[in-house]
Amino acid sequence: MPTSLFAALLAGAQVATCQVQAPATPPTVVELYTSEGCSSCPPADRWLSSLPNNDRTLALGFHVNYWDHLGWQDRLATPATTQRQRQWQGALRAPYVYTPQVIVNGADERSWSRWGADNLPRPTAVVVPGLRMERQGNRLRAEVAAVADGRRLSGYWAVFSGQIRNEVTRGENAGRTLVHDHVVRLYAPVAAWSSSEPRQHVLDLGPDPAVANTRVAFVVTTDDGLRPLQAASLVCATPSREPKSPGT
């Protein structure tokens, strides 16, 4: 067998494929807005790390960049994740943005430390759309079922990962090693649509091997892209096996 053909067959055999159906009761969606340049953020980072990602909970860490001027550039922050917090500021009619900020199911929770994995607030009862996610390699598909209530819906993709360790050498956290989980590395909002029609969304992560085993979530929201209505997440690892030689 030609070497190029064998490599192609091997690559095809190792494409990760998995799927998930969102639960009938939506998970609690926890959003932490944090920064490595914020001295009061590490306790909130540790708290977020204590939360699982399962059928009951979706925990997401959004790093923001507006503290970078204090001496340490947070390399986990992006303009998109920072802008999302500013959208929340407008929706909540808050006078300013701050860190750490925890938003649970669309509500600003300043007393977040009283919550744990077993007692997080559950979503209020609303009519929620069905949601199914599928991943084939680095291509993801989210299928949102129709809901006959005339609303407009929106949503976003979140690609996130954990056990990220950074040694901070400047700024308010100088000399500390910070560990982060559930860090959103890619935040991609989608355009709003009518709930009366089913909708399919596709995200192509490209060939970057760094995203091969990351967890990906799709969150259905109100039409402003903020308050969660339904969510699902999945991770499917690429099979790790030693290739056999041709003809064996």
Protein backbone atom coordinates (compact mmCIF):
# COMPACT_ATOMS: atom_id res chain seq x y z
CA MET A 1 0.00 0.00 0.00
CA PRO A 2 1.42 3.45 -0.87
CA THR A 3 2.57 5.38 2.19
CA SER A 4 0.38 8.40 1.39
CA LEU A 5 -2.74 6.24 1.09
CA PHE A 6 -1.97 4.44 4.36
CA ALA A 7 -1.53 7.79 6.15
CA ALA A 8 -4.85 9.01 4.79
CA LEU A 9 -6.65 5.87 5.92
CA LEU A 10 -5.07 6.08 9.35
CA ALA A 11 -6.06 9.74 9.75
CA GLY A 12 -9.63 8.90 8.77
CA ALA A 13 -9.75 6.05 11.25
CA GLN A 14 -8.64 8.32 14.08
CA VAL A 15 -11.22 11.10 13.53
CA ALA A 16 -13.01 11.67 16.82
CA THR A 17 -16.79 11.31 16.55
CA CYS A 18 -19.34 11.76 19.31
CA GLN A 19 -22.74 13.31 19.97
CA VAL A 20 -24.92 14.46 22.84
CA GLN A 21 -28.56 15.35 23.41
CA ALA A 22 -29.27 18.20 25.81
CA PRO A 23 -31.28 17.15 28.87
CA ALA A 24 -34.96 18.05 29.12
CA THR A 25 -34.11 20.22 32.14
CA PRO A 26 -31.44 22.71 31.07
CA PRO A 27 -28.17 22.80 32.98
CA THR A 28 -27.20 25.66 35.26
CA VAL A 29 -24.89 27.91 33.24
CA VAL A 30 -22.15 29.57 35.30
CA GLU A 31 -20.09 32.36 33.75
CA LEU A 32 -17.03 33.67 35.58
CA TYR A 33 -15.40 36.88 34.35
CA THR A 34 -11.84 36.90 35.62
CA SER A 35 -8.30 38.07 34.93
CA GLU A 36 -4.78 37.00 35.82
CA GLY A 37 -4.10 40.67 36.50
CA CYS A 38 -6.70 40.82 39.29
CA SER A 39 -5.51 39.99 42.82
CA SER A 40 -9.03 39.17 44.05
CA CYS A 41 -9.69 36.67 41.24
CA PRO A 42 -7.76 33.51 42.30
CA PRO A 43 -10.38 32.46 44.90
CA ALA A 44 -13.08 32.70 42.23
CA ASP A 45 -10.89 30.75 39.80
CA ARG A 46 -10.52 27.96 42.38
CA TRP A 47 -14.27 28.01 43.01
CA LEU A 48 -14.97 27.62 39.29
CA SER A 49 -12.50 24.72 39.16
CA SER A 50 -14.57 22.93 41.82
CA LEU A 51 -17.62 22.84 39.55
CA PRO A 52 -18.20 19.94 37.16
CA ASN A 53 -19.36 20.05 33.58
CA ASN A 54 -22.23 17.58 33.23
CA ASP A 55 -25.97 17.41 32.50
CA ARG A 56 -26.66 19.70 35.48
CA THR A 57 -23.88 22.26 35.20
CA LEU A 58 -22.01 24.14 32.49
CA ALA A 59 -19.12 26.16 33.95
CA LEU A 60 -17.34 28.69 31.73
CA GLY A 61 -14.42 30.98 32.53
CA PHE A 62 -14.26 34.16 30.44
CA HIS A 63 -10.96 36.02 30.84
CA VAL A 64 -11.04 39.78 30.24
CA ASN A 65 -8.27 42.13 29.13
CA TYR A 66 -9.04 45.48 30.75
CA TRP A 67 -6.63 44.87 33.65
CA ASP A 68 -3.67 44.26 31.34
CA HIS A 69 -2.47 47.83 31.89
CA LEU A 70 -1.61 46.95 35.51
CA GLY A 71 1.51 45.16 34.34
CA TRP A 72 0.50 41.62 33.37
CA GLN A 73 -1.07 40.65 30.06
CA ASP A 74 -3.61 37.88 30.50
CA ARG A 75 -2.94 35.67 27.48
CA LEU A 76 -6.21 33.81 28.08
CA ALA A 77 -8.26 36.97 27.52
CA THR A 78 -9.67 37.93 24.13
CA PRO A 79 -11.52 40.98 22.84
CA ALA A 80 -14.59 38.77 22.26
CA THR A 81 -14.77 37.43 25.83
CA THR A 82 -14.20 40.93 27.20
CA GLN A 83 -16.96 42.33 25.00
CA ARG A 84 -19.38 39.69 26.29
CA GLN A 85 -18.99 41.02 29.82
CA ARG A 86 -19.62 44.55 28.56
CA GLN A 87 -22.82 43.28 26.93
CA TRP A 88 -23.86 41.94 30.32
CA GLN A 89 -23.06 45.33 31.85
CA GLY A 90 -25.56 46.94 29.49
CA ALA A 91 -28.22 44.26 29.93
CA LEU A 92 -27.95 44.38 33.75
CA ARG A 93 -27.76 48.19 33.73
CA ALA A 94 -24.62 48.01 35.80
CA PRO A 95 -22.54 51.18 36.25
CA TYR A 96 -19.25 49.35 35.63
CA VAL A 97 -17.61 46.01 34.86
CA TYR A 98 -15.64 44.24 37.56
CA THR A 99 -13.78 41.05 38.36
CA PRO A 100 -14.40 38.52 39.60
CA GLN A 101 -17.97 38.56 38.38
CA VAL A 102 -20.14 35.44 38.45
CA ILE A 103 -23.32 35.24 36.43
CA VAL A 104 -25.56 32.22 37.07
CA ASN A 105 -28.42 31.56 34.65
CA GLY A 106 -28.33 35.22 33.63
CA ALA A 107 -28.30 36.68 37.18
CA ASP A 108 -25.38 38.57 38.72
CA GLU A 109 -24.38 36.51 41.79
CA ARG A 110 -22.13 38.56 44.07
CA SER A 111 -22.41 35.94 46.82
CA TRP A 112 -21.11 33.18 44.56
CA SER A 113 -18.94 31.59 47.26
CA ARG A 114 -22.04 30.21 49.04
CA TRP A 115 -22.82 28.02 46.04
CA GLY A 116 -21.28 24.65 45.30
CA ALA A 117 -21.74 21.84 42.83
CA ASP A 118 -24.62 20.40 44.87
CA ASN A 119 -26.65 23.56 45.50
CA LEU A 120 -26.27 25.80 42.46
CA PRO A 121 -29.51 27.58 41.53
CA ARG A 122 -31.49 25.65 38.96
CA PRO A 123 -32.94 27.33 35.86
CA THR A 124 -36.48 28.64 36.13
CA ALA A 125 -39.12 26.60 34.31
CA VAL A 126 -39.54 27.85 30.74
CA VAL A 127 -40.27 26.21 27.41
CA VAL A 128 -36.84 25.21 26.14
CA PRO A 129 -35.86 24.07 22.66
CA GLY A 130 -34.42 20.64 22.03
CA LEU A 131 -30.70 20.67 21.33
CA ARG A 132 -28.45 18.03 19.83
CA MET A 133 -24.70 18.34 19.25
CA GLU A 134 -22.43 16.23 17.10
CA ARG A 135 -18.69 16.33 16.51
CA GLN A 136 -16.76 14.72 13.67
CA GLY A 137 -13.09 15.52 13.92
CA ASN A 138 -12.84 19.28 14.30
CA ARG A 139 -16.23 20.01 12.73
CA LEU A 140 -19.15 20.54 15.07
CA ARG A 141 -22.85 20.74 14.43
CA ALA A 142 -25.62 21.96 16.74
CA GLU A 143 -29.25 21.26 15.84
CA VAL A 144 -31.86 23.34 17.65
CA ALA A 145 -35.46 22.14 17.43
CA ALA A 146 -38.34 24.48 16.70
CA VAL A 147 -40.49 25.88 19.51
CA ALA A 148 -43.91 27.22 18.56
CA ASP A 149 -43.90 30.32 20.76
CA GLY A 150 -42.82 33.03 18.31
CA ARG A 151 -39.68 34.02 20.22
CA ARG A 152 -36.38 34.94 18.67
CA LEU A 153 -33.42 32.93 19.86
CA SER A 154 -29.69 33.31 19.65
CA GLY A 155 -26.71 31.42 20.99
CA TYR A 156 -22.98 30.89 21.06
CA TRP A 157 -20.23 28.33 20.79
CA ALA A 158 -17.68 28.03 23.59
CA VAL A 159 -14.51 25.96 23.19
CA PHE A 160 -12.91 25.54 26.59
CA SER A 161 -10.17 23.64 28.38
CA GLY A 162 -8.70 23.13 31.84
CA GLN A 163 -5.61 22.57 33.95
CA ILE A 164 -3.91 25.64 32.50
CA ARG A 165 -0.99 26.72 34.72
CA ASN A 166 0.60 30.13 34.30
CA GLU A 167 3.41 31.67 36.33
CA VAL A 168 2.67 35.36 36.77
CA THR A 169 5.78 37.55 37.02
CA ARG A 170 4.29 41.04 37.04
CA GLY A 171 1.22 42.91 38.21
CA GLU A 172 -1.00 42.25 41.22
CA ASN A 173 -0.40 38.48 41.17
CA ALA A 174 3.37 38.62 40.66
CA GLY A 175 5.12 35.54 42.02
CA ARG A 176 2.01 33.34 41.96
CA THR A 177 1.28 30.26 39.87
CA LEU A 178 -2.33 30.38 38.76
CA VAL A 179 -4.32 27.34 37.72
CA HIS A 180 -7.45 27.69 35.60
CA ASP A 181 -10.20 25.32 34.51
CA HIS A 182 -13.16 25.68 32.14
CA VAL A 183 -11.31 28.49 30.32
CA VAL A 184 -13.09 29.67 27.19
CA ARG A 185 -10.44 29.73 24.46
CA LEU A 186 -12.88 30.44 21.64
CA TYR A 187 -16.17 32.31 22.00
CA ALA A 188 -18.27 32.47 18.83
CA PRO A 189 -21.77 34.01 18.94
CA VAL A 190 -24.30 33.12 16.23
CA ALA A 191 -26.97 35.28 14.62
CA ALA A 192 -30.50 35.33 16.04
CA TRP A 193 -33.29 33.32 14.44
CA SER A 194 -37.00 32.61 14.84
CA SER A 195 -37.85 29.86 17.32
CA SER A 196 -40.66 28.68 15.06
CA GLU A 197 -38.11 27.12 12.72
CA PRO A 198 -35.43 24.53 13.47
CA ARG A 199 -31.90 25.82 13.09
CA GLN A 200 -28.55 24.19 12.46
CA HIS A 201 -25.22 25.78 13.39
CA VAL A 202 -21.79 24.58 12.30
CA LEU A 203 -18.39 25.38 13.76
CA ASP A 204 -15.15 24.35 12.06
CA LEU A 205 -12.21 24.35 14.47
CA GLY A 206 -9.67 23.84 11.71
CA PRO A 207 -6.60 21.59 11.80
CA ASP A 208 -5.06 22.93 15.02
CA PRO A 209 -4.09 19.83 17.07
CA ALA A 210 -4.43 21.88 20.28
CA VAL A 211 -8.23 21.66 20.02
CA ALA A 212 -8.38 17.92 19.33
CA ASN A 213 -9.51 16.94 22.85
CA THR A 214 -11.06 20.18 24.10
CA ARG A 215 -14.63 20.38 25.37
CA VAL A 216 -17.10 22.32 23.25
CA ALA A 217 -20.46 23.74 24.31
CA PHE A 218 -23.35 25.27 22.44
CA VAL A 219 -25.63 27.52 24.46
CA VAL A 220 -29.07 28.59 23.23
CA THR A 221 -29.93 32.05 24.57
CA THR A 222 -32.44 34.83 24.39
CA ASP A 223 -32.22 36.97 21.27
CA ASP A 224 -29.58 39.26 22.80
CA GLY A 225 -27.17 36.32 23.05
CA LEU A 226 -26.93 36.52 26.84
CA ARG A 227 -29.45 34.65 29.02
CA PRO A 228 -29.16 30.87 28.62
CA LEU A 229 -32.21 28.77 27.78
CA GLN A 230 -30.61 25.42 26.91
CA ALA A 231 -27.06 24.11 26.65
CA ALA A 232 -25.03 21.01 25.95
CA SER A 233 -21.34 20.20 25.87
CA LEU A 234 -19.20 17.32 24.73
CA VAL A 235 -15.64 16.14 24.38
CA CYS A 236 -14.59 13.19 22.29
CA ALA A 237 -10.98 12.14 22.39
CA THR A 238 -9.10 11.05 19.29
CA PRO A 239 -8.21 7.34 19.65
CA SER A 240 -4.62 6.99 20.82
CA ARG A 241 -3.28 3.79 19.40
CA GLU A 242 -0.04 2.83 17.77
CA PRO A 243 -0.40 2.49 13.99
CA LYS A 244 0.29 -0.92 12.55
CA SER A 245 2.67 -1.30 9.67
CA PRO A 246 1.10 -1.91 6.24
CA GLY A 247 0.36 -5.56 5.68
CA THR A 248 0.36 -6.56 9.38
